[in-house]
Amino acid sequence: MPTPDDGAPFLDEEMQRLLTQFQADIRPLQELRESLDSVRGRGEAANGQVKAEVLPSGALGGLRIDPRAMRLGADALAEAVLAAASAAATDLTKQMAGMMTDGLTPFADEVRRFSQD
């Protein structure tokens, strides 16, 4: 069995093993980040005549207004757009919270194990 006194090959192998293990350990976090980056919140208002999409940044990523919604009038249409955007933001928040809970639970379990030792 090689020892640290035997020279660099042992250290190179050990560093490679540690690096491989670290990469395996953080892969779930990388996948979570990628998933969070691609999630979209969706909401609608005015009986589906106004549909909004919100990006993880909080920016409005899409807005679709059915031509029939123009009959609502300016104020009602504005309220419908805000309502659809708000519903989309709520949807996004729920999705992200669920993803974070699912993605971080294994790490929380690991922290609990370390704290018990």
N, C-alpha and C. Protein backbone atom coordinates (compact mmCIF):
# COMPACT_ATOMS: atom_id res chain seq x y z
N MET A 1 0.86 -1.19 0.00
CA MET A 1 0.00 0.00 0.00
C MET A 1 0.89 1.23 0.00
N PRO A 2 0.72 2.14 -0.97
CA PRO A 2 1.57 3.34 -1.01
C PRO A 2 1.26 4.26 0.17
N THR A 3 2.26 4.96 0.56
CA THR A 3 2.11 5.95 1.64
C THR A 3 2.52 7.31 1.11
N PRO A 4 2.19 8.39 1.82
CA PRO A 4 2.61 9.72 1.36
C PRO A 4 4.12 9.84 1.21
N ASP A 5 4.88 9.03 1.93
CA ASP A 5 6.34 9.11 1.84
C ASP A 5 6.88 8.48 0.56
N ASP A 6 6.05 7.71 -0.13
CA ASP A 6 6.50 7.03 -1.34
C ASP A 6 6.64 7.98 -2.53
N GLY A 7 6.10 9.19 -2.43
CA GLY A 7 6.28 10.13 -3.52
C GLY A 7 4.99 10.63 -4.12
N ALA A 8 5.15 11.35 -5.19
CA ALA A 8 4.06 12.07 -5.84
C ALA A 8 2.97 11.18 -6.44
N PRO A 9 3.25 9.99 -6.97
CA PRO A 9 2.16 9.21 -7.57
C PRO A 9 0.99 8.99 -6.60
N PHE A 10 1.29 8.70 -5.36
CA PHE A 10 0.23 8.52 -4.37
C PHE A 10 -0.58 9.80 -4.22
N LEU A 11 0.12 10.94 -4.13
CA LEU A 11 -0.57 12.21 -3.98
C LEU A 11 -1.41 12.53 -5.20
N ASP A 12 -0.89 12.27 -6.39
CA ASP A 12 -1.65 12.51 -7.62
C ASP A 12 -2.92 11.66 -7.65
N GLU A 13 -2.79 10.40 -7.28
CA GLU A 13 -3.95 9.51 -7.26
C GLU A 13 -4.97 9.97 -6.23
N GLU A 14 -4.49 10.37 -5.06
CA GLU A 14 -5.39 10.81 -4.00
C GLU A 14 -6.09 12.11 -4.39
N MET A 15 -5.36 13.04 -4.99
CA MET A 15 -5.97 14.29 -5.44
C MET A 15 -7.01 14.02 -6.52
N GLN A 16 -6.71 13.12 -7.42
CA GLN A 16 -7.67 12.78 -8.47
C GLN A 16 -8.92 12.14 -7.87
N ARG A 17 -8.73 11.27 -6.88
CA ARG A 17 -9.87 10.64 -6.22
C ARG A 17 -10.73 11.68 -5.52
N LEU A 18 -10.08 12.61 -4.81
CA LEU A 18 -10.82 13.67 -4.11
C LEU A 18 -11.56 14.58 -5.10
N LEU A 19 -10.90 14.92 -6.18
CA LEU A 19 -11.53 15.76 -7.20
C LEU A 19 -12.74 15.06 -7.83
N THR A 20 -12.59 13.80 -8.13
CA THR A 20 -13.69 13.03 -8.70
C THR A 20 -14.87 12.97 -7.73
N GLN A 21 -14.58 12.73 -6.46
CA GLN A 21 -15.63 12.68 -5.45
C GLN A 21 -16.32 14.03 -5.29
N PHE A 22 -15.52 15.11 -5.29
CA PHE A 22 -16.08 16.46 -5.18
C PHE A 22 -17.01 16.76 -6.35
N GLN A 23 -16.58 16.42 -7.56
CA GLN A 23 -17.41 16.66 -8.74
C GLN A 23 -18.71 15.87 -8.66
N ALA A 24 -18.64 14.65 -8.17
CA ALA A 24 -19.85 13.85 -8.01
C ALA A 24 -20.77 14.46 -6.95
N ASP A 25 -20.17 14.99 -5.90
CA ASP A 25 -20.96 15.58 -4.81
C ASP A 25 -21.68 16.85 -5.24
N ILE A 26 -21.04 17.66 -6.09
CA ILE A 26 -21.66 18.94 -6.46
C ILE A 26 -22.54 18.83 -7.71
N ARG A 27 -22.50 17.71 -8.40
CA ARG A 27 -23.31 17.57 -9.62
C ARG A 27 -24.80 17.81 -9.35
N PRO A 28 -25.38 17.30 -8.26
CA PRO A 28 -26.79 17.60 -8.00
C PRO A 28 -27.06 19.10 -7.85
N LEU A 29 -26.11 19.83 -7.28
CA LEU A 29 -26.28 21.29 -7.15
C LEU A 29 -26.21 21.96 -8.52
N GLN A 30 -25.34 21.50 -9.38
CA GLN A 30 -25.25 22.06 -10.72
C GLN A 30 -26.54 21.79 -11.50
N GLU A 31 -27.08 20.59 -11.35
CA GLU A 31 -28.33 20.25 -12.03
C GLU A 31 -29.48 21.09 -11.50
N LEU A 32 -29.48 21.33 -10.18
CA LEU A 32 -30.52 22.18 -9.59
C LEU A 32 -30.43 23.59 -10.15
N ARG A 33 -29.24 24.13 -10.23
CA ARG A 33 -29.06 25.48 -10.78
C ARG A 33 -29.54 25.56 -12.22
N GLU A 34 -29.22 24.55 -13.01
CA GLU A 34 -29.66 24.53 -14.40
C GLU A 34 -31.19 24.46 -14.48
N SER A 35 -31.79 23.67 -13.62
CA SER A 35 -33.25 23.56 -13.59
C SER A 35 -33.88 24.88 -13.19
N LEU A 36 -33.31 25.52 -12.19
CA LEU A 36 -33.86 26.81 -11.73
C LEU A 36 -33.75 27.87 -12.82
N ASP A 37 -32.68 27.81 -13.59
CA ASP A 37 -32.50 28.78 -14.68
C ASP A 37 -33.54 28.61 -15.79
N SER A 38 -34.05 27.40 -15.94
CA SER A 38 -34.96 27.14 -17.06
C SER A 38 -36.44 27.16 -16.67
N VAL A 39 -36.75 27.28 -15.39
CA VAL A 39 -38.15 27.25 -14.97
C VAL A 39 -38.85 28.55 -15.39
N ARG A 40 -40.13 28.44 -15.67
CA ARG A 40 -40.94 29.59 -16.07
C ARG A 40 -42.25 29.55 -15.29
N GLY A 41 -42.66 30.70 -14.78
CA GLY A 41 -43.95 30.80 -14.12
C GLY A 41 -44.99 31.23 -15.13
N ARG A 42 -46.17 30.66 -15.02
CA ARG A 42 -47.24 31.00 -15.96
C ARG A 42 -48.50 31.36 -15.22
N GLY A 43 -49.17 32.37 -15.72
CA GLY A 43 -50.42 32.80 -15.12
C GLY A 43 -51.34 33.37 -16.17
N GLU A 44 -52.62 33.42 -15.83
CA GLU A 44 -53.59 33.99 -16.76
C GLU A 44 -54.66 34.75 -16.00
N ALA A 45 -55.38 35.58 -16.74
CA ALA A 45 -56.46 36.38 -16.18
C ALA A 45 -57.49 36.62 -17.27
N ALA A 46 -58.59 37.25 -16.89
CA ALA A 46 -59.67 37.57 -17.82
C ALA A 46 -60.13 36.32 -18.57
N ASN A 47 -60.40 35.27 -17.79
CA ASN A 47 -60.88 34.01 -18.38
C ASN A 47 -59.94 33.46 -19.45
N GLY A 48 -58.65 33.59 -19.21
CA GLY A 48 -57.66 33.05 -20.14
C GLY A 48 -57.35 33.94 -21.33
N GLN A 49 -57.93 35.10 -21.38
CA GLN A 49 -57.68 36.00 -22.50
C GLN A 49 -56.34 36.71 -22.39
N VAL A 50 -55.78 36.76 -21.17
CA VAL A 50 -54.47 37.37 -20.95
C VAL A 50 -53.59 36.32 -20.28
N LYS A 51 -52.45 36.02 -20.89
CA LYS A 51 -51.52 35.02 -20.36
C LYS A 51 -50.14 35.64 -20.23
N ALA A 52 -49.50 35.38 -19.10
CA ALA A 52 -48.17 35.94 -18.84
C ALA A 52 -47.21 34.84 -18.45
N GLU A 53 -45.94 35.09 -18.72
CA GLU A 53 -44.87 34.18 -18.34
C GLU A 53 -43.80 35.01 -17.63
N VAL A 54 -43.33 34.52 -16.49
CA VAL A 54 -42.31 35.22 -15.70
C VAL A 54 -41.05 34.36 -15.66
N LEU A 55 -39.90 35.00 -15.83
CA LEU A 55 -38.60 34.34 -15.81
C LEU A 55 -38.06 34.30 -14.38
N PRO A 56 -37.07 33.44 -14.12
CA PRO A 56 -36.49 33.38 -12.77
C PRO A 56 -35.93 34.72 -12.28
N SER A 57 -35.56 35.59 -13.19
CA SER A 57 -35.04 36.91 -12.80
C SER A 57 -36.15 37.81 -12.28
N GLY A 58 -37.40 37.40 -12.50
CA GLY A 58 -38.55 38.22 -12.12
C GLY A 58 -39.07 39.04 -13.28
N ALA A 59 -38.36 39.02 -14.38
CA ALA A 59 -38.78 39.79 -15.56
C ALA A 59 -39.93 39.08 -16.25
N LEU A 60 -40.75 39.86 -16.91
CA LEU A 60 -41.83 39.33 -17.72
C LEU A 60 -41.20 38.73 -18.97
N GLY A 61 -41.40 37.43 -19.17
CA GLY A 61 -40.79 36.74 -20.29
C GLY A 61 -41.71 36.57 -21.48
N GLY A 62 -42.99 36.77 -21.25
CA GLY A 62 -43.94 36.62 -22.33
C GLY A 62 -45.30 37.16 -21.91
N LEU A 63 -46.02 37.64 -22.90
CA LEU A 63 -47.35 38.17 -22.65
C LEU A 63 -48.18 37.93 -23.91
N ARG A 64 -49.31 37.28 -23.71
CA ARG A 64 -50.21 37.04 -24.84
C ARG A 64 -51.57 37.63 -24.49
N ILE A 65 -52.05 38.47 -25.37
CA ILE A 65 -53.36 39.10 -25.17
C ILE A 65 -54.25 38.69 -26.34
N ASP A 66 -55.28 37.96 -26.01
CA ASP A 66 -56.26 37.54 -27.01
C ASP A 66 -56.95 38.80 -27.55
N PRO A 67 -57.19 38.89 -28.84
CA PRO A 67 -57.85 40.08 -29.39
C PRO A 67 -59.18 40.41 -28.71
N ARG A 68 -59.89 39.39 -28.22
CA ARG A 68 -61.15 39.65 -27.53
C ARG A 68 -60.96 40.45 -26.24
N ALA A 69 -59.76 40.37 -25.67
CA ALA A 69 -59.48 41.09 -24.43
C ALA A 69 -59.47 42.60 -24.64
N MET A 70 -59.33 43.04 -25.87
CA MET A 70 -59.33 44.47 -26.16
C MET A 70 -60.69 45.11 -25.84
N ARG A 71 -61.71 44.29 -25.81
CA ARG A 71 -63.05 44.79 -25.48
C ARG A 71 -63.20 45.12 -23.99
N LEU A 72 -62.24 44.70 -23.21
CA LEU A 72 -62.31 44.95 -21.76
C LEU A 72 -62.18 46.44 -21.43
N GLY A 73 -61.53 47.17 -22.28
CA GLY A 73 -61.22 48.57 -21.99
C GLY A 73 -59.82 48.67 -21.40
N ALA A 74 -59.24 49.85 -21.47
CA ALA A 74 -57.84 50.06 -21.08
C ALA A 74 -57.58 49.70 -19.62
N ASP A 75 -58.42 50.19 -18.71
CA ASP A 75 -58.18 49.95 -17.29
C ASP A 75 -58.33 48.47 -16.94
N ALA A 76 -59.37 47.83 -17.42
CA ALA A 76 -59.61 46.42 -17.13
C ALA A 76 -58.51 45.55 -17.77
N LEU A 77 -58.08 45.93 -18.95
CA LEU A 77 -57.01 45.18 -19.61
C LEU A 77 -55.71 45.31 -18.81
N ALA A 78 -55.42 46.53 -18.36
CA ALA A 78 -54.22 46.73 -17.54
C ALA A 78 -54.28 45.89 -16.27
N GLU A 79 -55.43 45.85 -15.63
CA GLU A 79 -55.59 45.04 -14.42
C GLU A 79 -55.41 43.56 -14.74
N ALA A 80 -55.92 43.13 -15.88
CA ALA A 80 -55.78 41.72 -16.27
C ALA A 80 -54.32 41.36 -16.52
N VAL A 81 -53.59 42.27 -17.16
CA VAL A 81 -52.16 42.03 -17.40
C VAL A 81 -51.43 41.90 -16.06
N LEU A 82 -51.70 42.81 -15.14
CA LEU A 82 -51.07 42.73 -13.82
C LEU A 82 -51.46 41.47 -13.07
N ALA A 83 -52.72 41.09 -13.16
CA ALA A 83 -53.18 39.88 -12.49
C ALA A 83 -52.51 38.63 -13.07
N ALA A 84 -52.39 38.57 -14.40
CA ALA A 84 -51.74 37.43 -15.04
C ALA A 84 -50.27 37.36 -14.65
N ALA A 85 -49.60 38.52 -14.63
CA ALA A 85 -48.19 38.57 -14.24
C ALA A 85 -48.02 38.16 -12.78
N SER A 86 -48.91 38.60 -11.92
CA SER A 86 -48.85 38.23 -10.51
C SER A 86 -49.06 36.73 -10.34
N ALA A 87 -50.02 36.18 -11.05
CA ALA A 87 -50.26 34.73 -10.99
C ALA A 87 -49.05 33.95 -11.49
N ALA A 88 -48.40 34.48 -12.53
CA ALA A 88 -47.21 33.83 -13.06
C ALA A 88 -46.07 33.88 -12.04
N ALA A 89 -45.92 35.00 -11.35
CA ALA A 89 -44.88 35.12 -10.32
C ALA A 89 -45.14 34.16 -9.17
N THR A 90 -46.40 34.03 -8.78
CA THR A 90 -46.76 33.09 -7.72
C THR A 90 -46.45 31.66 -8.16
N ASP A 91 -46.79 31.33 -9.39
CA ASP A 91 -46.50 30.00 -9.93
C ASP A 91 -45.00 29.74 -9.93
N LEU A 92 -44.23 30.72 -10.36
CA LEU A 92 -42.77 30.58 -10.38
C LEU A 92 -42.23 30.35 -8.97
N THR A 93 -42.71 31.12 -8.02
CA THR A 93 -42.25 30.98 -6.63
C THR A 93 -42.53 29.58 -6.10
N LYS A 94 -43.72 29.07 -6.36
CA LYS A 94 -44.07 27.72 -5.90
C LYS A 94 -43.18 26.67 -6.55
N GLN A 95 -42.97 26.80 -7.85
CA GLN A 95 -42.11 25.83 -8.54
C GLN A 95 -40.69 25.86 -7.99
N MET A 96 -40.15 27.06 -7.83
CA MET A 96 -38.77 27.18 -7.35
C MET A 96 -38.63 26.68 -5.92
N ALA A 97 -39.60 26.96 -5.08
CA ALA A 97 -39.55 26.48 -3.69
C ALA A 97 -39.54 24.95 -3.66
N GLY A 98 -40.38 24.35 -4.48
CA GLY A 98 -40.40 22.89 -4.54
C GLY A 98 -39.10 22.31 -5.05
N MET A 99 -38.54 22.95 -6.07
CA MET A 99 -37.28 22.48 -6.63
C MET A 99 -36.14 22.62 -5.62
N MET A 100 -36.13 23.73 -4.90
CA MET A 100 -35.08 23.95 -3.89
C MET A 100 -35.21 22.93 -2.76
N THR A 101 -36.42 22.69 -2.32
CA THR A 101 -36.64 21.71 -1.24
C THR A 101 -36.16 20.34 -1.69
N ASP A 102 -36.60 19.93 -2.87
CA ASP A 102 -36.20 18.62 -3.38
C ASP A 102 -34.69 18.54 -3.62
N GLY A 103 -34.12 19.60 -4.15
CA GLY A 103 -32.70 19.60 -4.50
C GLY A 103 -31.77 19.70 -3.33
N LEU A 104 -32.21 20.36 -2.26
CA LEU A 104 -31.31 20.57 -1.12
C LEU A 104 -31.53 19.59 0.03
N THR A 105 -32.63 18.85 0.01
CA THR A 105 -32.91 17.91 1.09
C THR A 105 -31.78 16.91 1.32
N PRO A 106 -31.20 16.31 0.28
CA PRO A 106 -30.10 15.38 0.55
C PRO A 106 -28.93 16.04 1.28
N PHE A 107 -28.67 17.29 0.98
CA PHE A 107 -27.57 17.99 1.64
C PHE A 107 -27.92 18.31 3.09
N ALA A 108 -29.18 18.63 3.34
CA ALA A 108 -29.61 18.89 4.71
C ALA A 108 -29.49 17.63 5.55
N ASP A 109 -29.83 16.49 4.97
CA ASP A 109 -29.68 15.22 5.67
C ASP A 109 -28.21 14.97 6.02
N GLU A 110 -27.33 15.30 5.08
CA GLU A 110 -25.90 15.13 5.30
C GLU A 110 -25.42 16.03 6.44
N VAL A 111 -25.87 17.28 6.46
CA VAL A 111 -25.49 18.22 7.53
C VAL A 111 -25.97 17.69 8.88
N ARG A 112 -27.19 17.17 8.93
CA ARG A 112 -27.71 16.62 10.17
C ARG A 112 -26.84 15.46 10.66
N ARG A 113 -26.41 14.62 9.75
CA ARG A 113 -25.54 13.50 10.12
C ARG A 113 -24.23 13.97 10.70
N PHE A 114 -23.63 15.00 10.09
CA PHE A 114 -22.36 15.54 10.60
C PHE A 114 -22.54 16.16 11.97
N SER A 115 -23.66 16.85 12.17
CA SER A 115 -23.87 17.52 13.45
C SER A 115 -24.15 16.53 14.58
N GLN A 116 -24.60 15.33 14.25
CA GLN A 116 -24.85 14.31 15.27
C GLN A 116 -23.58 13.60 15.70
N ASP A 117 -22.57 13.65 14.83
CA ASP A 117 -21.30 12.95 15.14
C ASP A 117 -20.46 13.71 16.13
